[in-house]
Amino acid sequence: QVQLVESGGGLVQAGDSLRLSCAASGGILSDYAMGWFRQAPGKEREFVAAISRVGGITNVAVPVRDRFTITRDNNKNTLDLQMNGLKPEDTAVYYCAADLRSWGTTIDDEEYDYWGQGTQVTVSS
């Protein structure tokens, strides 16, 4: 069973950049398709980005497609989310997740098997 730990969140101003990382342990990262989700206060968890097992396929949600990039390094067992041009509406807890069954990308959070504890991103205007 893989354990996931996110890091890199914080308080930034609109227009700033952040790079979130997700460290995996207890498993081989290349066994999993990976994803990033976020949940803002009072809102449902929403899909942000996903990447296939070896990184050849990515899928980024439309609202952030021109600003966020998802990457992975299977040798280091890490997943990253580069976030540029942050906006106040990006404020949320960001979660990484692992999907054991998919060979592509998955946007449905119910398909993911393992989740990190989340990291808070707050963007001030």
N, C-alpha and C. Protein backbone atom coordinates (compact mmCIF):
# COMPACT_ATOMS: atom_id res chain seq x y z
N GLN A 1 0.85 -1.19 0.00
CA GLN A 1 0.00 0.00 0.00
C GLN A 1 0.88 1.23 0.00
N VAL A 2 0.65 2.12 -0.94
CA VAL A 2 1.48 3.31 -1.06
C VAL A 2 0.98 4.40 -0.13
N GLN A 3 1.93 5.12 0.47
CA GLN A 3 1.61 6.30 1.28
C GLN A 3 2.04 7.54 0.51
N LEU A 4 1.20 8.56 0.57
CA LEU A 4 1.43 9.79 -0.18
C LEU A 4 1.50 10.98 0.77
N VAL A 5 2.50 11.82 0.58
CA VAL A 5 2.65 13.01 1.42
C VAL A 5 2.88 14.21 0.52
N GLU A 6 1.98 15.18 0.60
CA GLU A 6 2.11 16.40 -0.19
C GLU A 6 2.92 17.45 0.56
N SER A 7 3.54 18.32 -0.20
CA SER A 7 4.26 19.45 0.38
C SER A 7 4.29 20.58 -0.64
N GLY A 8 4.68 21.76 -0.17
CA GLY A 8 4.87 22.88 -1.08
C GLY A 8 3.77 23.92 -1.05
N GLY A 9 2.72 23.67 -0.29
CA GLY A 9 1.66 24.66 -0.21
C GLY A 9 2.09 25.88 0.59
N GLY A 10 1.25 26.89 0.58
CA GLY A 10 1.56 28.09 1.34
C GLY A 10 0.64 29.24 0.99
N LEU A 11 0.99 30.41 1.52
CA LEU A 11 0.24 31.64 1.27
C LEU A 11 1.03 32.49 0.27
N VAL A 12 0.40 32.79 -0.85
CA VAL A 12 1.05 33.58 -1.89
C VAL A 12 0.09 34.66 -2.37
N GLN A 13 0.63 35.56 -3.17
CA GLN A 13 -0.19 36.61 -3.76
C GLN A 13 -0.60 36.21 -5.17
N ALA A 14 -1.67 36.82 -5.62
CA ALA A 14 -2.14 36.56 -6.98
C ALA A 14 -1.02 36.83 -7.98
N GLY A 15 -0.87 35.92 -8.92
CA GLY A 15 0.18 36.03 -9.92
C GLY A 15 1.44 35.26 -9.59
N ASP A 16 1.58 34.85 -8.35
CA ASP A 16 2.76 34.09 -7.92
C ASP A 16 2.68 32.65 -8.42
N SER A 17 3.77 31.94 -8.18
CA SER A 17 3.85 30.53 -8.55
C SER A 17 4.14 29.68 -7.32
N LEU A 18 3.70 28.45 -7.37
CA LEU A 18 4.02 27.45 -6.36
C LEU A 18 4.25 26.12 -7.06
N ARG A 19 5.08 25.30 -6.45
CA ARG A 19 5.29 23.95 -6.95
C ARG A 19 4.95 22.98 -5.83
N LEU A 20 3.91 22.21 -6.02
CA LEU A 20 3.52 21.20 -5.07
C LEU A 20 4.23 19.88 -5.40
N SER A 21 4.59 19.17 -4.37
CA SER A 21 5.20 17.86 -4.56
C SER A 21 4.45 16.81 -3.76
N CYS A 22 4.47 15.62 -4.26
CA CYS A 22 3.85 14.48 -3.58
C CYS A 22 4.89 13.37 -3.55
N ALA A 23 5.29 12.98 -2.36
CA ALA A 23 6.27 11.92 -2.19
C ALA A 23 5.55 10.61 -1.87
N ALA A 24 5.92 9.58 -2.58
CA ALA A 24 5.30 8.28 -2.38
C ALA A 24 6.27 7.33 -1.70
N SER A 25 5.75 6.53 -0.79
CA SER A 25 6.55 5.51 -0.12
C SER A 25 5.70 4.26 0.06
N GLY A 26 6.39 3.15 0.27
CA GLY A 26 5.67 1.90 0.49
C GLY A 26 5.17 1.25 -0.78
N GLY A 27 5.57 1.79 -1.92
CA GLY A 27 5.13 1.22 -3.18
C GLY A 27 5.96 1.77 -4.32
N ILE A 28 5.75 1.24 -5.50
CA ILE A 28 6.46 1.69 -6.69
C ILE A 28 5.55 2.65 -7.45
N LEU A 29 5.98 3.88 -7.61
CA LEU A 29 5.11 4.91 -8.17
C LEU A 29 4.65 4.57 -9.58
N SER A 30 5.50 3.91 -10.35
CA SER A 30 5.14 3.59 -11.73
C SER A 30 4.02 2.55 -11.82
N ASP A 31 3.62 1.98 -10.71
CA ASP A 31 2.47 1.08 -10.68
C ASP A 31 1.14 1.83 -10.69
N TYR A 32 1.21 3.16 -10.56
CA TYR A 32 0.01 3.96 -10.37
C TYR A 32 -0.09 5.10 -11.38
N ALA A 33 -1.28 5.30 -11.90
CA ALA A 33 -1.61 6.58 -12.49
C ALA A 33 -1.82 7.55 -11.32
N MET A 34 -1.47 8.80 -11.53
CA MET A 34 -1.52 9.75 -10.42
C MET A 34 -2.37 10.96 -10.78
N GLY A 35 -2.87 11.60 -9.74
CA GLY A 35 -3.68 12.78 -9.98
C GLY A 35 -3.56 13.80 -8.87
N TRP A 36 -3.94 15.01 -9.20
CA TRP A 36 -4.08 16.09 -8.22
C TRP A 36 -5.53 16.54 -8.21
N PHE A 37 -6.04 16.72 -7.01
CA PHE A 37 -7.38 17.24 -6.81
C PHE A 37 -7.30 18.39 -5.82
N ARG A 38 -8.36 19.17 -5.75
CA ARG A 38 -8.39 20.24 -4.76
C ARG A 38 -9.80 20.40 -4.22
N GLN A 39 -9.86 20.93 -3.02
CA GLN A 39 -11.15 21.18 -2.39
C GLN A 39 -11.11 22.52 -1.68
N ALA A 40 -11.96 23.41 -2.12
CA ALA A 40 -12.09 24.72 -1.50
C ALA A 40 -13.16 24.65 -0.42
N PRO A 41 -13.11 25.57 0.55
CA PRO A 41 -14.12 25.56 1.62
C PRO A 41 -15.54 25.63 1.08
N GLY A 42 -16.37 24.71 1.53
CA GLY A 42 -17.77 24.71 1.13
C GLY A 42 -18.03 24.16 -0.25
N LYS A 43 -16.99 23.63 -0.89
CA LYS A 43 -17.15 23.11 -2.24
C LYS A 43 -16.75 21.65 -2.30
N GLU A 44 -17.19 20.97 -3.33
CA GLU A 44 -16.81 19.59 -3.54
C GLU A 44 -15.37 19.50 -4.06
N ARG A 45 -14.79 18.36 -3.81
CA ARG A 45 -13.44 18.12 -4.34
C ARG A 45 -13.51 18.10 -5.86
N GLU A 46 -12.53 18.72 -6.51
CA GLU A 46 -12.55 18.78 -7.96
C GLU A 46 -11.21 18.34 -8.54
N PHE A 47 -11.29 17.80 -9.73
CA PHE A 47 -10.12 17.35 -10.47
C PHE A 47 -9.27 18.53 -10.91
N VAL A 48 -7.95 18.36 -10.79
CA VAL A 48 -7.02 19.39 -11.25
C VAL A 48 -6.18 18.87 -12.42
N ALA A 49 -5.52 17.73 -12.21
CA ALA A 49 -4.64 17.21 -13.25
C ALA A 49 -4.37 15.74 -12.98
N ALA A 50 -4.03 15.02 -14.04
CA ALA A 50 -3.69 13.61 -13.90
C ALA A 50 -2.60 13.25 -14.89
N ILE A 51 -1.87 12.18 -14.57
CA ILE A 51 -0.77 11.75 -15.42
C ILE A 51 -0.71 10.23 -15.41
N SER A 52 -0.41 9.65 -16.56
CA SER A 52 -0.37 8.21 -16.67
C SER A 52 0.87 7.64 -15.99
N ARG A 53 0.95 6.33 -15.94
CA ARG A 53 1.97 5.65 -15.15
C ARG A 53 3.39 6.04 -15.52
N VAL A 54 3.66 6.18 -16.78
CA VAL A 54 5.03 6.55 -17.17
C VAL A 54 5.10 7.99 -17.68
N GLY A 55 4.02 8.73 -17.52
CA GLY A 55 4.04 10.15 -17.81
C GLY A 55 3.77 10.53 -19.24
N GLY A 56 3.43 9.56 -20.08
CA GLY A 56 3.23 9.89 -21.47
C GLY A 56 1.92 10.57 -21.78
N ILE A 57 0.97 10.46 -20.85
CA ILE A 57 -0.35 11.08 -21.05
C ILE A 57 -0.65 11.96 -19.85
N THR A 58 -1.05 13.18 -20.12
CA THR A 58 -1.47 14.08 -19.06
C THR A 58 -2.84 14.65 -19.39
N ASN A 59 -3.53 15.06 -18.38
CA ASN A 59 -4.85 15.65 -18.53
C ASN A 59 -4.96 16.73 -17.46
N VAL A 60 -5.21 17.95 -17.88
CA VAL A 60 -5.28 19.07 -16.95
C VAL A 60 -6.65 19.72 -17.11
N ALA A 61 -7.28 20.03 -15.99
CA ALA A 61 -8.60 20.63 -16.01
C ALA A 61 -8.60 21.96 -16.76
N VAL A 62 -9.66 22.21 -17.46
CA VAL A 62 -9.75 23.40 -18.31
C VAL A 62 -9.46 24.70 -17.56
N PRO A 63 -10.00 24.91 -16.35
CA PRO A 63 -9.78 26.20 -15.67
C PRO A 63 -8.32 26.51 -15.38
N VAL A 64 -7.47 25.47 -15.36
CA VAL A 64 -6.06 25.70 -14.99
C VAL A 64 -5.11 25.25 -16.09
N ARG A 65 -5.62 24.86 -17.23
CA ARG A 65 -4.83 24.21 -18.25
C ARG A 65 -3.68 25.07 -18.73
N ASP A 66 -3.86 26.34 -18.80
CA ASP A 66 -2.78 27.21 -19.32
C ASP A 66 -1.86 27.69 -18.22
N ARG A 67 -2.06 27.22 -16.98
CA ARG A 67 -1.26 27.71 -15.86
C ARG A 67 -0.60 26.58 -15.05
N PHE A 68 -1.19 25.41 -15.05
CA PHE A 68 -0.69 24.31 -14.22
C PHE A 68 -0.07 23.22 -15.09
N THR A 69 0.98 22.59 -14.58
CA THR A 69 1.63 21.49 -15.27
C THR A 69 1.87 20.35 -14.29
N ILE A 70 1.50 19.15 -14.69
CA ILE A 70 1.72 17.98 -13.85
C ILE A 70 2.88 17.17 -14.43
N THR A 71 3.78 16.75 -13.55
CA THR A 71 4.91 15.91 -13.95
C THR A 71 5.15 14.85 -12.88
N ARG A 72 5.92 13.85 -13.26
CA ARG A 72 6.27 12.83 -12.30
C ARG A 72 7.70 12.36 -12.56
N ASP A 73 8.33 11.88 -11.51
CA ASP A 73 9.65 11.27 -11.61
C ASP A 73 9.58 9.93 -10.93
N ASN A 74 9.43 8.89 -11.70
CA ASN A 74 9.25 7.56 -11.11
C ASN A 74 10.53 7.07 -10.43
N ASN A 75 11.67 7.57 -10.87
CA ASN A 75 12.92 7.17 -10.22
C ASN A 75 12.99 7.72 -8.79
N LYS A 76 12.42 8.90 -8.61
CA LYS A 76 12.43 9.53 -7.28
C LYS A 76 11.13 9.29 -6.52
N ASN A 77 10.19 8.61 -7.16
CA ASN A 77 8.89 8.35 -6.54
C ASN A 77 8.18 9.65 -6.15
N THR A 78 8.21 10.62 -7.05
CA THR A 78 7.58 11.90 -6.76
C THR A 78 6.66 12.35 -7.89
N LEU A 79 5.67 13.11 -7.49
CA LEU A 79 4.70 13.72 -8.40
C LEU A 79 4.68 15.21 -8.10
N ASP A 80 4.71 16.03 -9.13
CA ASP A 80 4.73 17.47 -8.93
C ASP A 80 3.56 18.15 -9.64
N LEU A 81 3.22 19.32 -9.14
CA LEU A 81 2.24 20.18 -9.81
C LEU A 81 2.81 21.60 -9.79
N GLN A 82 3.22 22.06 -10.94
CA GLN A 82 3.72 23.43 -11.08
C GLN A 82 2.54 24.34 -11.34
N MET A 83 2.37 25.33 -10.48
CA MET A 83 1.23 26.23 -10.59
C MET A 83 1.74 27.65 -10.80
N ASN A 84 1.44 28.21 -11.94
CA ASN A 84 1.85 29.56 -12.29
C ASN A 84 0.63 30.48 -12.37
N GLY A 85 0.86 31.76 -12.25
CA GLY A 85 -0.23 32.71 -12.38
C GLY A 85 -1.38 32.43 -11.45
N LEU A 86 -1.07 32.15 -10.19
CA LEU A 86 -2.12 31.76 -9.25
C LEU A 86 -3.15 32.86 -9.06
N LYS A 87 -4.39 32.43 -8.87
CA LYS A 87 -5.52 33.32 -8.68
C LYS A 87 -6.19 33.02 -7.34
N PRO A 88 -6.90 33.97 -6.77
CA PRO A 88 -7.60 33.70 -5.51
C PRO A 88 -8.51 32.48 -5.58
N GLU A 89 -9.10 32.24 -6.72
CA GLU A 89 -9.99 31.08 -6.86
C GLU A 89 -9.25 29.75 -6.87
N ASP A 90 -7.93 29.78 -6.89
CA ASP A 90 -7.15 28.56 -6.76
C ASP A 90 -6.96 28.15 -5.29
N THR A 91 -7.40 29.00 -4.38
CA THR A 91 -7.29 28.69 -2.96
C THR A 91 -8.06 27.42 -2.63
N ALA A 92 -7.35 26.46 -2.03
CA ALA A 92 -7.96 25.17 -1.71
C ALA A 92 -6.92 24.30 -1.02
N VAL A 93 -7.38 23.19 -0.50
CA VAL A 93 -6.47 22.12 -0.07
C VAL A 93 -6.25 21.23 -1.28
N TYR A 94 -4.98 20.99 -1.59
CA TYR A 94 -4.61 20.19 -2.76
C TYR A 94 -4.18 18.80 -2.30
N TYR A 95 -4.71 17.81 -2.98
CA TYR A 95 -4.45 16.42 -2.65
C TYR A 95 -3.83 15.69 -3.84
N CYS A 96 -2.86 14.83 -3.57
CA CYS A 96 -2.43 13.91 -4.61
C CYS A 96 -3.08 12.56 -4.35
N ALA A 97 -3.23 11.80 -5.41
CA ALA A 97 -3.92 10.52 -5.31
C ALA A 97 -3.32 9.53 -6.31
N ALA A 98 -3.44 8.26 -5.96
CA ALA A 98 -2.87 7.18 -6.77
C ALA A 98 -3.96 6.22 -7.21
N ASP A 99 -3.93 5.88 -8.48
CA ASP A 99 -4.92 4.98 -9.09
C ASP A 99 -4.20 3.72 -9.57
N LEU A 100 -4.52 2.60 -8.95
CA LEU A 100 -3.81 1.36 -9.23
C LEU A 100 -4.26 0.72 -10.55
N ARG A 101 -5.46 1.04 -11.02
CA ARG A 101 -6.01 0.28 -12.13
C ARG A 101 -5.88 0.94 -13.49
N SER A 102 -5.77 2.25 -13.52
CA SER A 102 -5.78 2.95 -14.80
C SER A 102 -4.42 2.89 -15.49
N TRP A 103 -4.46 2.74 -16.81
CA TRP A 103 -3.24 2.82 -17.61
C TRP A 103 -3.16 4.16 -18.35
N GLY A 104 -4.20 4.96 -18.19
CA GLY A 104 -4.20 6.30 -18.77
C GLY A 104 -4.30 7.33 -17.68
N THR A 105 -5.29 8.23 -17.81
CA THR A 105 -5.54 9.22 -16.76
C THR A 105 -7.00 9.13 -16.35
N THR A 106 -7.25 9.48 -15.13
CA THR A 106 -8.60 9.40 -14.58
C THR A 106 -8.97 10.71 -13.92
N ILE A 107 -10.14 11.24 -14.24
CA ILE A 107 -10.58 12.49 -13.64
C ILE A 107 -11.58 12.25 -12.51
N ASP A 108 -12.05 11.02 -12.36
CA ASP A 108 -13.05 10.68 -11.36
C ASP A 108 -12.35 10.34 -10.05
N ASP A 109 -12.61 11.11 -9.01
CA ASP A 109 -11.89 10.87 -7.75
C ASP A 109 -12.26 9.52 -7.14
N GLU A 110 -13.41 8.98 -7.49
CA GLU A 110 -13.80 7.69 -6.93
C GLU A 110 -12.97 6.54 -7.48
N GLU A 111 -12.23 6.79 -8.54
CA GLU A 111 -11.40 5.75 -9.12
C GLU A 111 -10.04 5.64 -8.45
N TYR A 112 -9.71 6.61 -7.63
CA TYR A 112 -8.39 6.62 -6.99
C TYR A 112 -8.42 5.80 -5.71
N ASP A 113 -7.31 5.12 -5.48
CA ASP A 113 -7.25 4.18 -4.36
C ASP A 113 -6.58 4.74 -3.12
N TYR A 114 -5.63 5.62 -3.30
CA TYR A 114 -4.87 6.14 -2.16
C TYR A 114 -4.76 7.66 -2.27
N TRP A 115 -4.80 8.30 -1.09
CA TRP A 115 -4.80 9.76 -1.03
C TRP A 115 -3.80 10.25 -0.01
N GLY A 116 -3.22 11.42 -0.29
CA GLY A 116 -2.42 12.09 0.71
C GLY A 116 -3.30 12.88 1.66
N GLN A 117 -2.65 13.55 2.60
CA GLN A 117 -3.39 14.29 3.62
C GLN A 117 -3.74 15.71 3.18
N GLY A 118 -3.12 16.15 2.10
CA GLY A 118 -3.44 17.47 1.55
C GLY A 118 -2.46 18.54 1.98
N THR A 119 -2.34 19.56 1.16
CA THR A 119 -1.53 20.73 1.49
C THR A 119 -2.32 21.98 1.11
N GLN A 120 -2.32 22.96 2.00
CA GLN A 120 -3.14 24.16 1.81
C GLN A 120 -2.44 25.15 0.89
N VAL A 121 -3.17 25.63 -0.07
CA VAL A 121 -2.72 26.71 -0.95
C VAL A 121 -3.69 27.87 -0.77
N THR A 122 -3.17 29.01 -0.40
CA THR A 122 -3.98 30.20 -0.21
C THR A 122 -3.42 31.32 -1.07
N VAL A 123 -4.27 31.88 -1.92
CA VAL A 123 -3.84 32.93 -2.83
C VAL A 123 -4.59 34.20 -2.47
N SER A 124 -3.86 35.22 -2.08
CA SER A 124 -4.49 36.50 -1.71
C SER A 124 -4.54 37.41 -2.93
N SER A 125 -5.54 38.27 -2.93
CA SER A 125 -5.71 39.18 -4.08
C SER A 125 -4.95 40.47 -3.88
